[in-house]
């Protein structure tokens, strides 16, 4: 941030400077995300928001947001890209491979896969196992 006279700096400018200095691309909340070049377009303030990084999402990705079906972006916690890559190494006992964008997979202290119960009224969640990379299979 350029040096300004005391009183000439807004809270928004201070926030942008801090986020930039600490390697963030924007803010994310429960149902929204914004980048530094258009911070807080909702006008709602940011009391519940946290610093995050931009994650580009391909049109083919099933993410469940309003932008699904188009190339778009999300703002997510730092390290989320690595978590998505890590998810590919999880497999359920039924043989299903983890798809973190699918509604059939849930993160709760480890990836869990949904299985329909025979009565059809609810699902059971089965804990998946992480496959350790080997020299043959990264």
C-alpha atoms as a PDB file:
ATOM      1  CA  UNK A   1       0.000   0.000   0.000  1.00  0.00           C
ATOM      2  CA  UNK A   2       1.293   3.475  -0.865  1.00  0.00           C
ATOM      3  CA  UNK A   3       2.074   5.733   2.078  1.00  0.00           C
ATOM      4  CA  UNK A   4      -0.910   7.946   2.872  1.00  0.00           C
ATOM      5  CA  UNK A   5      -1.654  10.550   5.431  1.00  0.00           C
ATOM      6  CA  UNK A   6      -3.162   9.288   8.680  1.00  0.00           C
ATOM      7  CA  UNK A   7      -6.914   9.146   8.265  1.00  0.00           C
ATOM      8  CA  UNK A   8      -6.740   8.723   4.468  1.00  0.00           C
ATOM      9  CA  UNK A   9      -6.644   4.911   4.588  1.00  0.00           C
ATOM     10  CA  UNK A  10      -9.927   3.009   4.576  1.00  0.00           C
ATOM     11  CA  UNK A  11     -10.526  -0.257   6.404  1.00  0.00           C
ATOM     12  CA  UNK A  12     -11.030  -1.916   2.999  1.00  0.00           C
ATOM     13  CA  UNK A  13      -7.581  -0.724   1.830  1.00  0.00           C
ATOM     14  CA  UNK A  14      -5.992  -2.001   5.042  1.00  0.00           C
ATOM     15  CA  UNK A  15      -7.689  -5.380   4.522  1.00  0.00           C
ATOM     16  CA  UNK A  16      -6.556  -5.606   0.870  1.00  0.00           C
ATOM     17  CA  UNK A  17      -2.992  -4.759   1.895  1.00  0.00           C
ATOM     18  CA  UNK A  18      -2.976  -7.390   4.668  1.00  0.00           C
ATOM     19  CA  UNK A  19      -4.491 -10.103   2.451  1.00  0.00           C
ATOM     20  CA  UNK A  20      -2.008  -9.355  -0.351  1.00  0.00           C
ATOM     21  CA  UNK A  21       0.962  -9.342   2.039  1.00  0.00           C
ATOM     22  CA  UNK A  22      -0.069 -12.739   3.426  1.00  0.00           C
ATOM     23  CA  UNK A  23      -0.603 -14.416   0.038  1.00  0.00           C
ATOM     24  CA  UNK A  24      -4.399 -14.363  -0.210  1.00  0.00           C
ATOM     25  CA  UNK A  25      -6.390 -13.672  -3.384  1.00  0.00           C
ATOM     26  CA  UNK A  26      -9.658 -12.693  -1.723  1.00  0.00           C
ATOM     27  CA  UNK A  27     -12.249 -13.624   0.885  1.00  0.00           C
ATOM     28  CA  UNK A  28     -14.648 -16.530   1.235  1.00  0.00           C
ATOM     29  CA  UNK A  29     -17.665 -17.137   3.432  1.00  0.00           C
ATOM     30  CA  UNK A  30     -20.324 -19.812   3.756  1.00  0.00           C
ATOM     31  CA  UNK A  31     -22.034 -19.029   0.466  1.00  0.00           C
ATOM     32  CA  UNK A  32     -19.815 -16.486  -1.272  1.00  0.00           C
ATOM     33  CA  UNK A  33     -16.331 -15.540  -2.337  1.00  0.00           C
ATOM     34  CA  UNK A  34     -14.746 -12.396  -3.752  1.00  0.00           C
ATOM     35  CA  UNK A  35     -11.362 -11.451  -5.175  1.00  0.00           C
ATOM     36  CA  UNK A  36      -9.215  -8.506  -4.102  1.00  0.00           C
ATOM     37  CA  UNK A  37     -10.019  -6.472  -7.223  1.00  0.00           C
ATOM     38  CA  UNK A  38     -13.740  -6.553  -6.309  1.00  0.00           C
ATOM     39  CA  UNK A  39     -13.702  -7.035  -2.561  1.00  0.00           C
ATOM     40  CA  UNK A  40     -17.064  -7.244  -0.770  1.00  0.00           C
ATOM     41  CA  UNK A  41     -19.333  -6.570  -3.788  1.00  0.00           C
ATOM     42  CA  UNK A  42     -22.244  -7.917  -1.724  1.00  0.00           C
ATOM     43  CA  UNK A  43     -22.086  -4.871   0.537  1.00  0.00           C
ATOM     44  CA  UNK A  44     -22.680  -7.145   3.521  1.00  0.00           C
ATOM     45  CA  UNK A  45     -19.344  -6.517   5.226  1.00  0.00           C
ATOM     46  CA  UNK A  46     -16.993  -9.346   5.991  1.00  0.00           C
ATOM     47  CA  UNK A  47     -17.403 -10.290   9.648  1.00  0.00           C
ATOM     48  CA  UNK A  48     -17.797 -14.001   8.835  1.00  0.00           C
ATOM     49  CA  UNK A  49     -15.357 -14.125   5.912  1.00  0.00           C
ATOM     50  CA  UNK A  50     -11.821 -15.531   5.867  1.00  0.00           C
ATOM     51  CA  UNK A  51      -8.825 -15.012   3.605  1.00  0.00           C
ATOM     52  CA  UNK A  52      -8.630 -17.494   0.730  1.00  0.00           C
ATOM     53  CA  UNK A  53      -6.948 -18.280  -2.564  1.00  0.00           C
ATOM     54  CA  UNK A  54      -8.434 -18.382  -6.050  1.00  0.00           C
ATOM     55  CA  UNK A  55      -9.204 -21.845  -7.358  1.00  0.00           C
ATOM     56  CA  UNK A  56     -10.063 -22.057 -11.075  1.00  0.00           C
ATOM     57  CA  UNK A  57     -12.898 -24.494 -11.783  1.00  0.00           C
ATOM     58  CA  UNK A  58     -13.441 -26.155 -15.176  1.00  0.00           C
ATOM     59  CA  UNK A  59     -16.915 -26.226 -16.723  1.00  0.00           C
ATOM     60  CA  UNK A  60     -16.943 -30.033 -16.431  1.00  0.00           C
ATOM     61  CA  UNK A  61     -16.515 -29.933 -12.635  1.00  0.00           C
ATOM     62  CA  UNK A  62     -19.619 -30.750 -10.585  1.00  0.00           C
ATOM     63  CA  UNK A  63     -19.257 -28.250  -7.785  1.00  0.00           C
ATOM     64  CA  UNK A  64     -22.923 -27.447  -7.113  1.00  0.00           C
ATOM     65  CA  UNK A  65     -22.565 -23.665  -7.307  1.00  0.00           C
ATOM     66  CA  UNK A  66     -24.403 -21.220  -9.583  1.00  0.00           C
ATOM     67  CA  UNK A  67     -21.426 -21.208 -11.983  1.00  0.00           C
ATOM     68  CA  UNK A  68     -21.522 -24.978 -12.546  1.00  0.00           C
ATOM     69  CA  UNK A  69     -21.323 -25.799 -16.257  1.00  0.00           C
ATOM     70  CA  UNK A  70     -19.068 -22.832 -17.026  1.00  0.00           C
ATOM     71  CA  UNK A  71     -15.400 -22.101 -16.437  1.00  0.00           C
ATOM     72  CA  UNK A  72     -15.389 -20.108 -13.190  1.00  0.00           C
ATOM     73  CA  UNK A  73     -13.515 -19.688  -9.898  1.00  0.00           C
ATOM     74  CA  UNK A  74     -14.013 -20.218  -6.193  1.00  0.00           C
ATOM     75  CA  UNK A  75     -12.154 -18.669  -3.275  1.00  0.00           C
ATOM     76  CA  UNK A  76     -11.087 -21.414  -0.885  1.00  0.00           C
ATOM     77  CA  UNK A  77      -8.788 -21.848   2.136  1.00  0.00           C
ATOM     78  CA  UNK A  78      -5.053 -22.068   1.476  1.00  0.00           C
ATOM     79  CA  UNK A  79      -4.073 -25.681   0.855  1.00  0.00           C
ATOM     80  CA  UNK A  80      -7.432 -26.647  -0.656  1.00  0.00           C
ATOM     81  CA  UNK A  81      -5.879 -27.484  -4.045  1.00  0.00           C
ATOM     82  CA  UNK A  82      -3.636 -29.986  -2.293  1.00  0.00           C
ATOM     83  CA  UNK A  83      -6.649 -31.469  -0.463  1.00  0.00           C
ATOM     84  CA  UNK A  84      -8.387 -32.053  -3.804  1.00  0.00           C
ATOM     85  CA  UNK A  85      -5.334 -33.835  -5.189  1.00  0.00           C
ATOM     86  CA  UNK A  86      -5.037 -35.851  -1.984  1.00  0.00           C
ATOM     87  CA  UNK A  87      -8.709 -36.899  -2.316  1.00  0.00           C
ATOM     88  CA  UNK A  88      -7.897 -38.830  -5.490  1.00  0.00           C
ATOM     89  CA  UNK A  89      -5.966 -41.337  -3.361  1.00  0.00           C
ATOM     90  CA  UNK A  90      -9.005 -42.333  -1.273  1.00  0.00           C
ATOM     91  CA  UNK A  91     -11.056 -45.426  -2.121  1.00  0.00           C
ATOM     92  CA  UNK A  92     -14.179 -46.796  -0.457  1.00  0.00           C
ATOM     93  CA  UNK A  93     -14.511 -50.455   0.548  1.00  0.00           C
ATOM     94  CA  UNK A  94     -16.975 -50.814  -2.357  1.00  0.00           C
ATOM     95  CA  UNK A  95     -14.185 -49.840  -4.764  1.00  0.00           C
ATOM     96  CA  UNK A  96     -15.434 -46.322  -5.566  1.00  0.00           C
ATOM     97  CA  UNK A  97     -12.677 -43.750  -5.973  1.00  0.00           C
ATOM     98  CA  UNK A  98     -13.123 -40.445  -4.186  1.00  0.00           C
ATOM     99  CA  UNK A  99     -14.690 -37.632  -6.189  1.00  0.00           C
ATOM    100  CA  UNK A 100     -14.615 -34.600  -3.872  1.00  0.00           C
ATOM    101  CA  UNK A 101     -17.098 -32.717  -6.082  1.00  0.00           C
ATOM    102  CA  UNK A 102     -19.707 -35.477  -5.930  1.00  0.00           C
ATOM    103  CA  UNK A 103     -22.594 -35.364  -3.488  1.00  0.00           C
ATOM    104  CA  UNK A 104     -21.775 -39.018  -2.718  1.00  0.00           C
ATOM    105  CA  UNK A 105     -18.545 -37.993  -0.969  1.00  0.00           C
ATOM    106  CA  UNK A 106     -18.172 -36.059   2.273  1.00  0.00           C
ATOM    107  CA  UNK A 107     -15.121 -34.933   4.264  1.00  0.00           C
ATOM    108  CA  UNK A 108     -15.541 -35.605   7.979  1.00  0.00           C
ATOM    109  CA  UNK A 109     -12.219 -36.499   9.648  1.00  0.00           C
ATOM    110  CA  UNK A 110     -11.457 -38.387   6.415  1.00  0.00           C
ATOM    111  CA  UNK A 111     -13.337 -38.969   3.157  1.00  0.00           C
ATOM    112  CA  UNK A 112     -16.609 -40.855   3.470  1.00  0.00           C
ATOM    113  CA  UNK A 113     -18.678 -42.403   0.684  1.00  0.00           C
ATOM    114  CA  UNK A 114     -22.492 -42.595   0.736  1.00  0.00           C
ATOM    115  CA  UNK A 115     -24.180 -45.994   0.373  1.00  0.00           C
ATOM    116  CA  UNK A 116     -27.943 -46.391   0.033  1.00  0.00           C
ATOM    117  CA  UNK A 117     -29.543 -48.474   2.769  1.00  0.00           C
ATOM    118  CA  UNK A 118     -31.741 -51.340   1.618  1.00  0.00           C
ATOM    119  CA  UNK A 119     -34.940 -49.621   2.810  1.00  0.00           C
ATOM    120  CA  UNK A 120     -34.052 -46.671   0.555  1.00  0.00           C
ATOM    121  CA  UNK A 121     -34.957 -43.994   3.084  1.00  0.00           C
ATOM    122  CA  UNK A 122     -31.493 -42.830   4.102  1.00  0.00           C
ATOM    123  CA  UNK A 123     -27.857 -43.319   3.317  1.00  0.00           C
ATOM    124  CA  UNK A 124     -25.057 -44.852   5.332  1.00  0.00           C
ATOM    125  CA  UNK A 125     -21.649 -43.224   5.111  1.00  0.00           C
ATOM    126  CA  UNK A 126     -18.631 -45.524   4.861  1.00  0.00           C
ATOM    127  CA  UNK A 127     -15.154 -44.317   5.728  1.00  0.00           C
ATOM    128  CA  UNK A 128     -12.772 -44.565   2.780  1.00  0.00           C
ATOM    129  CA  UNK A 129      -9.117 -45.559   3.011  1.00  0.00           C
ATOM    130  CA  UNK A 130      -6.188 -43.561   1.720  1.00  0.00           C
ATOM    131  CA  UNK A 131      -3.997 -45.380  -0.775  1.00  0.00           C
ATOM    132  CA  UNK A 132      -0.359 -44.634  -0.129  1.00  0.00           C
ATOM    133  CA  UNK A 133       1.607 -43.741  -3.273  1.00  0.00           C
ATOM    134  CA  UNK A 134       4.165 -46.298  -4.394  1.00  0.00           C
ATOM    135  CA  UNK A 135       6.977 -46.165  -6.902  1.00  0.00           C
ATOM    136  CA  UNK A 136       4.690 -47.885  -9.439  1.00  0.00           C
ATOM    137  CA  UNK A 137       1.586 -45.753  -8.791  1.00  0.00           C
ATOM    138  CA  UNK A 138       1.987 -42.100  -7.741  1.00  0.00           C
END
